[in-house]
Protein backbone atom coordinates (compact mmCIF):
# COMPACT_ATOMS: atom_id res chain seq x y z
CA UNK A 1 62.88 10.68 -47.75
CA UNK A 2 62.12 10.83 -44.06
CA UNK A 3 60.93 7.28 -43.24
CA UNK A 4 61.55 3.66 -44.12
CA UNK A 5 59.74 0.42 -43.34
CA UNK A 6 61.51 -2.64 -42.01
CA UNK A 7 61.71 -5.55 -39.60
CA UNK A 8 63.38 -5.87 -36.22
CA UNK A 9 65.94 -8.66 -36.51
CA UNK A 10 67.07 -8.69 -32.88
CA UNK A 11 69.55 -7.25 -30.39
CA UNK A 12 73.29 -7.74 -30.10
CA UNK A 13 76.43 -5.91 -28.94
CA UNK A 14 78.53 -3.34 -30.78
CA UNK A 15 81.94 -1.79 -30.08
CA UNK A 16 82.16 1.90 -30.96
CA UNK A 17 85.30 3.77 -32.03
CA UNK A 18 86.28 4.32 -28.38
CA UNK A 19 86.07 0.60 -27.59
CA UNK A 20 82.90 0.99 -25.54
CA UNK A 21 80.50 -1.96 -25.63
CA UNK A 22 76.97 -0.83 -26.50
CA UNK A 23 73.63 -2.66 -26.69
CA UNK A 24 72.19 -2.29 -30.19
CA UNK A 25 69.22 -3.40 -32.27
CA UNK A 26 69.63 -4.57 -35.86
CA UNK A 27 66.85 -3.57 -38.28
CA UNK A 28 66.30 -4.74 -41.85
CA UNK A 29 65.30 -1.36 -43.34
CA UNK A 30 63.93 -1.67 -46.86
CA UNK A 31 64.19 -1.82 -49.73
CA UNK A 32 60.83 -0.05 -50.10
CA UNK A 33 59.04 0.90 -53.31
CA UNK A 34 56.88 3.98 -53.89
CA UNK A 35 53.41 2.63 -54.69
CA UNK A 36 51.45 5.90 -54.82
CA UNK A 37 52.14 9.63 -54.73
CA UNK A 38 49.68 11.92 -52.93
CA UNK A 39 49.59 15.47 -54.32
CA UNK A 40 48.27 18.74 -52.99
CA UNK A 41 45.95 19.31 -55.95
CA UNK A 42 44.15 15.96 -55.74
CA UNK A 43 44.52 14.84 -52.12
CA UNK A 44 45.05 18.07 -50.20
CA UNK A 45 48.51 17.09 -48.93
CA UNK A 46 51.84 15.74 -50.13
CA UNK A 47 52.99 12.24 -49.19
CA UNK A 48 54.28 8.98 -50.60
CA UNK A 49 52.77 5.55 -50.03
CA UNK A 50 55.58 3.03 -49.78
CA UNK A 51 55.48 -0.76 -49.67
CA UNK A 52 57.77 -3.25 -47.98
CA UNK A 53 58.26 -7.03 -48.30
CA UNK A 54 56.96 -8.54 -51.52
CA UNK A 55 54.27 -11.23 -51.42
CA UNK A 56 52.48 -13.26 -54.07
CA UNK A 57 49.71 -11.33 -55.83
CA UNK A 58 47.20 -14.07 -54.97
CA UNK A 59 47.64 -13.30 -51.25
CA UNK A 60 46.16 -9.78 -51.48
CA UNK A 61 42.50 -8.84 -51.96
CA UNK A 62 41.09 -7.52 -55.23
CA UNK A 63 41.13 -3.78 -54.37
CA UNK A 64 44.81 -3.96 -53.41
CA UNK A 65 45.57 -6.13 -56.41
CA UNK A 66 44.25 -3.41 -58.70
CA UNK A 67 46.16 -0.80 -56.71
CA UNK A 68 49.46 -2.62 -57.27
CA UNK A 69 48.69 -3.38 -60.92
CA UNK A 70 48.00 0.30 -61.59
CA UNK A 71 51.45 1.15 -60.22
CA UNK A 72 52.96 -1.76 -62.24
CA UNK A 73 54.52 -3.15 -59.08
CA UNK A 74 54.41 -6.49 -57.24
CA UNK A 75 52.23 -6.88 -54.14
CA UNK A 76 53.66 -5.82 -50.76
CA UNK A 77 52.85 -7.06 -47.28
CA UNK A 78 53.08 -3.63 -45.61
CA UNK A 79 51.91 -0.25 -46.90
CA UNK A 80 52.44 3.06 -45.11
CA UNK A 81 52.33 6.76 -45.99
CA UNK A 82 55.39 8.90 -45.29
CA UNK A 83 55.53 12.66 -45.43
CA UNK A 84 57.57 14.81 -47.78
CA UNK A 85 59.45 17.94 -46.83
CA UNK A 86 59.32 21.08 -48.95
CA UNK A 87 61.25 20.62 -52.17
CA UNK A 88 61.39 16.83 -51.97
CA UNK A 89 60.20 14.75 -54.88
CA UNK A 90 59.27 11.12 -55.42
CA UNK A 91 57.96 8.98 -58.25
CA UNK A 92 55.91 5.80 -58.39
CA UNK A 93 58.23 2.83 -58.74
CA UNK A 94 61.16 4.52 -57.02
CA UNK A 95 63.17 2.20 -54.76
CA UNK A 96 64.22 3.54 -51.36
CA UNK A 97 67.04 1.84 -49.48
CA UNK A 98 68.82 2.17 -46.17
CA UNK A 99 71.30 4.67 -47.63
CA UNK A 100 68.93 7.51 -46.71
CA UNK A 101 70.41 7.10 -43.20
CA UNK A 102 74.00 7.69 -42.14
CA UNK A 103 75.98 6.88 -39.00
CA UNK A 104 75.40 9.64 -36.48
CA UNK A 105 71.80 10.26 -37.53
CA UNK A 106 69.03 10.16 -34.93
CA UNK A 107 65.79 8.30 -35.67
CA UNK A 108 62.37 7.56 -34.20
CA UNK A 109 61.36 3.89 -34.31
CA UNK A 110 57.68 2.88 -34.10
CA UNK A 111 56.36 -0.64 -33.62
CA UNK A 112 53.87 -2.83 -31.76
CA UNK A 113 54.98 -3.77 -28.27
CA UNK A 114 55.05 -7.41 -27.19
CA UNK A 115 51.66 -8.81 -26.22
CA UNK A 116 51.43 -10.05 -22.62
CA UNK A 117 47.85 -11.32 -22.68
CA UNK A 118 45.44 -10.76 -19.75
CA UNK A 119 47.42 -9.61 -16.71
CA UNK A 120 46.61 -8.59 -13.14
CA UNK A 121 47.14 -5.19 -11.59
CA UNK A 122 50.53 -6.02 -10.07
CA UNK A 123 52.15 -6.80 -13.40
CA UNK A 124 50.10 -4.40 -15.52
CA UNK A 125 50.17 -1.33 -13.25
CA UNK A 126 52.86 -2.23 -10.67
CA UNK A 127 50.47 -2.33 -7.71
CA UNK A 128 52.14 -3.22 -4.41
CA UNK A 129 49.66 -5.88 -3.32
CA UNK A 130 48.82 -6.94 0.19
CA UNK A 131 50.80 -8.65 2.92
CA UNK A 132 52.03 -12.21 2.30
CA UNK A 133 51.92 -13.41 5.94
CA UNK A 134 50.03 -13.22 9.27
CA UNK A 135 46.80 -14.61 7.89
CA UNK A 136 46.36 -11.96 5.22
CA UNK A 137 43.80 -12.88 2.57
CA UNK A 138 44.71 -9.89 0.38
CA UNK A 139 47.71 -10.66 -1.84
CA UNK A 140 47.47 -9.71 -5.51
CA UNK A 141 43.97 -8.19 -5.60
CA UNK A 142 43.32 -4.59 -6.75
CA UNK A 143 41.29 -3.55 -3.68
CA UNK A 144 38.37 -1.14 -3.73
CA UNK A 145 37.52 0.34 -7.13
CA UNK A 146 34.73 2.80 -6.24
CA UNK A 147 32.16 4.11 -3.77
CA UNK A 148 28.84 2.42 -3.11
CA UNK A 149 26.08 5.03 -2.81
CA UNK A 150 27.90 7.98 -4.33
CA UNK A 151 28.74 8.05 -7.21
CA UNK A 152 27.53 4.42 -7.50
CA UNK A 153 29.78 3.69 -10.44
CA UNK A 154 33.39 3.02 -11.39
CA UNK A 155 35.21 6.02 -12.82
CA UNK A 156 36.40 5.75 -16.40
CA UNK A 157 40.14 5.05 -16.64
CA UNK A 158 40.35 3.09 -13.38
CA UNK A 159 43.52 0.98 -13.36
CA UNK A 160 42.39 -2.64 -13.33
CA UNK A 161 43.37 -6.05 -14.68
CA UNK A 162 43.12 -6.48 -18.42
CA UNK A 163 44.90 -6.94 -21.73
CA UNK A 164 48.54 -5.86 -21.56
CA UNK A 165 50.89 -4.98 -24.40
CA UNK A 166 50.34 -5.21 -28.16
CA UNK A 167 50.01 -1.42 -28.52
CA UNK A 168 51.79 1.04 -30.80
CA UNK A 169 54.88 2.56 -29.20
CA UNK A 170 57.55 4.97 -30.47
CA UNK A 171 61.09 5.30 -29.10
CA UNK A 172 62.55 8.69 -30.03
CA UNK A 173 66.04 9.97 -30.80
CA UNK A 174 67.93 6.69 -31.14
CA UNK A 175 71.39 7.01 -32.65
CA UNK A 176 72.33 5.15 -35.84
CA UNK A 177 75.76 3.59 -35.26
CA UNK A 178 76.24 1.70 -38.53
CA UNK A 179 74.56 1.37 -41.93
CA UNK A 180 75.12 -1.67 -44.16
CA UNK A 181 73.95 -0.43 -47.57
CA UNK A 182 74.45 -3.76 -49.37
CA UNK A 183 72.26 -5.70 -46.90
CA UNK A 184 69.96 -2.77 -45.98
CA UNK A 185 70.78 -3.12 -42.28
CA UNK A 186 70.67 -0.43 -39.61
CA UNK A 187 72.51 -0.83 -36.31
CA UNK A 188 70.73 1.40 -33.78
CA UNK A 189 71.83 2.10 -30.22
CA UNK A 190 69.39 0.80 -27.60
CA UNK A 191 66.18 -1.23 -27.77
CA UNK A 192 63.02 -0.71 -29.81
CA UNK A 193 59.42 -1.92 -29.40
CA UNK A 194 58.25 -5.35 -30.52
CA UNK A 195 59.45 -8.91 -30.77
CA UNK A 196 62.08 -10.17 -33.21
CA UNK A 197 60.85 -10.18 -36.83
CA UNK A 198 58.14 -7.63 -36.01
CA UNK A 199 57.29 -4.77 -38.38
CA UNK A 200 58.72 -1.31 -37.57
CA UNK A 201 58.80 2.20 -39.05
CA UNK A 202 62.09 4.13 -38.90
CA UNK A 203 61.82 7.92 -39.26
CA UNK A 204 64.44 10.63 -39.26
CA UNK A 205 64.68 12.87 -36.20
CA UNK A 206 65.43 16.59 -36.12
CA UNK A 207 67.98 16.10 -33.34
CA UNK A 208 70.92 15.71 -35.74
CA UNK A 209 69.91 18.92 -37.54
CA UNK A 210 69.73 20.81 -34.23
CA UNK A 211 73.16 19.48 -33.19
CA UNK A 212 74.64 20.56 -36.53
CA UNK A 213 73.11 24.04 -36.24
CA UNK A 214 74.53 24.38 -32.74
CA UNK A 215 77.95 23.26 -33.98
CA UNK A 216 77.76 25.87 -36.77
CA UNK A 217 76.81 28.54 -34.24
CA UNK A 218 73.40 29.17 -35.83
CA UNK A 219 71.42 28.05 -32.76
CA UNK A 220 72.64 28.48 -29.16
CA UNK A 221 72.86 25.31 -27.10
CA UNK A 222 71.05 24.86 -23.78
CA UNK A 223 74.17 25.60 -21.64
CA UNK A 224 74.80 28.71 -23.75
CA UNK A 225 71.22 29.91 -23.18
CA UNK A 226 71.55 29.38 -19.41
CA UNK A 227 74.85 31.27 -19.33
CA UNK A 228 73.24 34.16 -21.23
CA UNK A 229 70.35 34.31 -18.72
CA UNK A 230 72.77 34.40 -15.75
CA UNK A 231 74.75 37.19 -17.43
CA UNK A 232 71.55 39.23 -17.91
CA UNK A 233 70.62 38.83 -14.22
CA UNK A 234 74.04 40.07 -13.13
């Protein structure tokens, strides 16, 4: 499995093996159940639909109720599709836990950023603003947004005041420092999008595989490539 659903529990501090104090985020990752299996013959691609966080069956609508009943599973609050690599298998009803990750792995974490409501250009786009003194009447305003006679319109994409936050964001290549298999907890170095208790998707990164291949001598590292180029020039 490459991905797992979970909730952001919050941030705290963590001491690594060298005694260094690191900022970390704790994620409740799983357990997730496989609700549906997409196959190449029927759907044109291979994937698994997984569910996270059980809810009462009466809280879901009729189409989803039938979907869960067909899989002989309880209702779940969150459903997402995750890809399968070549040779990987999965079955409906299979339970996926945090043990698919190990300390030292690198992951991508996706979530909805915190909503900030309607904000002005200084907070939303970091505009400088006008002078604060000497009779200035231009403080936090955006200024001119377009020409009058030509082109007589505002260009699409103009940075202006508006709704800020509450958008999907992904932080890539975060290191997993600790995995608590019994409680399904992941301790990840750094911060991730969203408020506490928000829904997140944790996916495996290829960075750990690249590092392992470099350590095995199968793929040259970046410094090794640069040294080879300098040698060729000489």
